[in-house]
Amino acid sequence: MQIAGKSQPLQIISDSKYSINCVTDWYRSWVKNDWKTSTGGVVQNQDLIKGIRELIDARDQAGTVTQWKWVAGHAADAGNIAADRLAVAGAKLPLPE
């Protein structure tokens, strides 16, 4: 979303229903509950969720469409397979000092 900017329509494809739900649905309740879960715990990764929501909100205000699509992980989706390879390769990189 950062690279595309807020005026280019996007379709974001993920194999994580959890991640999609975090930034499209569940965040509304978390905002109302001061970033607490339904059981009273602190929402994990809220810094990431808040950052993504800022980008989505800016796109929404510009009237730009952001679509979310779930695909099954470890299936025959070429994009998902490539994303998994990139994630594994990235995880193996040394941390910057």
C-alpha atoms as a PDB file:
ATOM      1  CA  MET A   1       0.000   0.000   0.000  1.00  0.00           C
ATOM      2  CA  GLN A   2       2.890   2.349   0.682  1.00  0.00           C
ATOM      3  CA  ILE A   3       4.410   1.810  -2.739  1.00  0.00           C
ATOM      4  CA  ALA A   4       1.139   2.006  -4.656  1.00  0.00           C
ATOM      5  CA  GLY A   5       0.053   5.174  -2.920  1.00  0.00           C
ATOM      6  CA  LYS A   6      -3.465   6.063  -1.974  1.00  0.00           C
ATOM      7  CA  SER A   7      -4.877   6.634  -5.454  1.00  0.00           C
ATOM      8  CA  GLN A   8      -4.226   3.224  -7.065  1.00  0.00           C
ATOM      9  CA  PRO A   9      -6.873   0.522  -6.559  1.00  0.00           C
ATOM     10  CA  LEU A  10      -5.407  -2.598  -4.955  1.00  0.00           C
ATOM     11  CA  GLN A  11      -6.306  -6.180  -4.346  1.00  0.00           C
ATOM     12  CA  ILE A  12      -4.356  -7.639  -1.444  1.00  0.00           C
ATOM     13  CA  ILE A  13      -4.198 -11.420  -1.426  1.00  0.00           C
ATOM     14  CA  SER A  14      -3.315 -13.306   1.744  1.00  0.00           C
ATOM     15  CA  ASP A  15      -3.492 -16.834   3.064  1.00  0.00           C
ATOM     16  CA  SER A  16      -4.149 -15.475   6.549  1.00  0.00           C
ATOM     17  CA  LYS A  17      -7.817 -15.005   7.418  1.00  0.00           C
ATOM     18  CA  TYR A  18      -6.589 -13.763  10.806  1.00  0.00           C
ATOM     19  CA  SER A  19      -4.583 -10.930   9.235  1.00  0.00           C
ATOM     20  CA  ILE A  20      -7.407  -9.939   6.915  1.00  0.00           C
ATOM     21  CA  ASN A  21      -9.954  -9.936   9.746  1.00  0.00           C
ATOM     22  CA  CYS A  22      -7.641  -7.896  11.981  1.00  0.00           C
ATOM     23  CA  VAL A  23      -7.477  -4.977   9.540  1.00  0.00           C
ATOM     24  CA  THR A  24     -10.976  -5.197   8.032  1.00  0.00           C
ATOM     25  CA  ASP A  25     -13.318  -6.193  10.862  1.00  0.00           C
ATOM     26  CA  TRP A  26     -11.956  -6.825  14.339  1.00  0.00           C
ATOM     27  CA  TYR A  27     -10.076  -3.522  14.658  1.00  0.00           C
ATOM     28  CA  ARG A  28     -13.390  -1.685  15.104  1.00  0.00           C
ATOM     29  CA  SER A  29     -14.108  -3.474  18.389  1.00  0.00           C
ATOM     30  CA  TRP A  30     -10.511  -3.107  19.528  1.00  0.00           C
ATOM     31  CA  VAL A  31     -10.623   0.660  18.972  1.00  0.00           C
ATOM     32  CA  LYS A  32     -13.856   0.893  20.995  1.00  0.00           C
ATOM     33  CA  ASN A  33     -12.318  -1.256  23.763  1.00  0.00           C
ATOM     34  CA  ASP A  34      -9.013   0.673  23.958  1.00  0.00           C
ATOM     35  CA  TRP A  35      -7.164  -2.096  22.103  1.00  0.00           C
ATOM     36  CA  LYS A  36      -8.290  -4.867  24.414  1.00  0.00           C
ATOM     37  CA  THR A  37      -9.584  -8.236  23.232  1.00  0.00           C
ATOM     38  CA  SER A  38     -13.003  -9.590  24.171  1.00  0.00           C
ATOM     39  CA  THR A  39     -11.317 -11.423  27.059  1.00  0.00           C
ATOM     40  CA  GLY A  40      -9.591  -8.260  28.295  1.00  0.00           C
ATOM     41  CA  GLY A  41      -6.119  -9.008  26.969  1.00  0.00           C
ATOM     42  CA  VAL A  42      -4.005  -6.569  25.015  1.00  0.00           C
ATOM     43  CA  VAL A  43      -4.333  -6.896  21.223  1.00  0.00           C
ATOM     44  CA  GLN A  44      -1.104  -8.329  19.829  1.00  0.00           C
ATOM     45  CA  ASN A  45       0.662  -6.566  16.942  1.00  0.00           C
ATOM     46  CA  GLN A  46      -1.526  -3.512  17.303  1.00  0.00           C
ATOM     47  CA  ASP A  47       1.302  -1.318  16.010  1.00  0.00           C
ATOM     48  CA  LEU A  48       1.143  -3.170  12.694  1.00  0.00           C
ATOM     49  CA  ILE A  49      -2.653  -3.135  12.604  1.00  0.00           C
ATOM     50  CA  LYS A  50      -2.784   0.593  13.366  1.00  0.00           C
ATOM     51  CA  GLY A  51      -0.227   1.337  10.646  1.00  0.00           C
ATOM     52  CA  ILE A  52      -2.130  -0.668   8.052  1.00  0.00           C
ATOM     53  CA  ARG A  53      -5.404   0.950   9.108  1.00  0.00           C
ATOM     54  CA  GLU A  54      -3.874   4.413   8.615  1.00  0.00           C
ATOM     55  CA  LEU A  55      -3.002   3.476   5.040  1.00  0.00           C
ATOM     56  CA  ILE A  56      -6.458   1.980   4.415  1.00  0.00           C
ATOM     57  CA  ASP A  57      -8.211   4.996   5.927  1.00  0.00           C
ATOM     58  CA  ALA A  58      -6.203   7.377   3.716  1.00  0.00           C
ATOM     59  CA  ARG A  59      -7.129   5.284   0.683  1.00  0.00           C
ATOM     60  CA  ASP A  60     -10.793   5.272   1.746  1.00  0.00           C
ATOM     61  CA  GLN A  61     -10.779   9.058   2.147  1.00  0.00           C
ATOM     62  CA  ALA A  62      -9.338   9.370  -1.363  1.00  0.00           C
ATOM     63  CA  GLY A  63     -12.170   7.152  -2.657  1.00  0.00           C
ATOM     64  CA  THR A  64      -9.759   4.391  -3.653  1.00  0.00           C
ATOM     65  CA  VAL A  65     -10.778   0.749  -3.557  1.00  0.00           C
ATOM     66  CA  THR A  66      -8.765  -1.694  -1.447  1.00  0.00           C
ATOM     67  CA  GLN A  67      -9.969  -5.271  -1.863  1.00  0.00           C
ATOM     68  CA  TRP A  68      -8.930  -8.197   0.297  1.00  0.00           C
ATOM     69  CA  LYS A  69      -8.909 -11.763  -0.958  1.00  0.00           C
ATOM     70  CA  TRP A  70      -8.151 -14.931   0.970  1.00  0.00           C
ATOM     71  CA  VAL A  71      -6.422 -17.863  -0.721  1.00  0.00           C
ATOM     72  CA  ALA A  72      -5.632 -21.233   0.790  1.00  0.00           C
ATOM     73  CA  GLY A  73      -2.065 -21.448   2.037  1.00  0.00           C
ATOM     74  CA  HIS A  74       0.268 -24.130   0.713  1.00  0.00           C
ATOM     75  CA  ALA A  75      -2.075 -24.724  -2.217  1.00  0.00           C
ATOM     76  CA  ALA A  76      -1.478 -24.351  -5.930  1.00  0.00           C
ATOM     77  CA  ASP A  77      -1.758 -20.541  -5.996  1.00  0.00           C
ATOM     78  CA  ALA A  78       1.395 -19.302  -7.791  1.00  0.00           C
ATOM     79  CA  GLY A  79       1.387 -15.952  -5.996  1.00  0.00           C
ATOM     80  CA  ASN A  80       1.074 -17.583  -2.589  1.00  0.00           C
ATOM     81  CA  ILE A  81       3.885 -20.007  -3.356  1.00  0.00           C
ATOM     82  CA  ALA A  82       6.140 -17.115  -4.433  1.00  0.00           C
ATOM     83  CA  ALA A  83       5.215 -15.102  -1.321  1.00  0.00           C
ATOM     84  CA  ASP A  84       6.070 -18.065   0.909  1.00  0.00           C
ATOM     85  CA  ARG A  85       9.461 -18.412  -0.776  1.00  0.00           C
ATOM     86  CA  LEU A  86      10.190 -14.715  -0.278  1.00  0.00           C
ATOM     87  CA  ALA A  87       9.122 -14.885   3.374  1.00  0.00           C
ATOM     88  CA  VAL A  88      11.378 -17.882   4.043  1.00  0.00           C
ATOM     89  CA  ALA A  89      14.316 -16.215   2.302  1.00  0.00           C
ATOM     90  CA  GLY A  90      13.741 -13.003   4.234  1.00  0.00           C
ATOM     91  CA  ALA A  91      13.580 -14.846   7.538  1.00  0.00           C
ATOM     92  CA  LYS A  92      17.018 -16.314   6.834  1.00  0.00           C
ATOM     93  CA  LEU A  93      18.657 -12.909   6.309  1.00  0.00           C
ATOM     94  CA  PRO A  94      20.860 -11.622   9.140  1.00  0.00           C
ATOM     95  CA  LEU A  95      19.405  -8.837  11.225  1.00  0.00           C
ATOM     96  CA  PRO A  96      20.900  -5.396  10.582  1.00  0.00           C
ATOM     97  CA  GLU A  97      23.241  -4.162  13.263  1.00  0.00           C
END
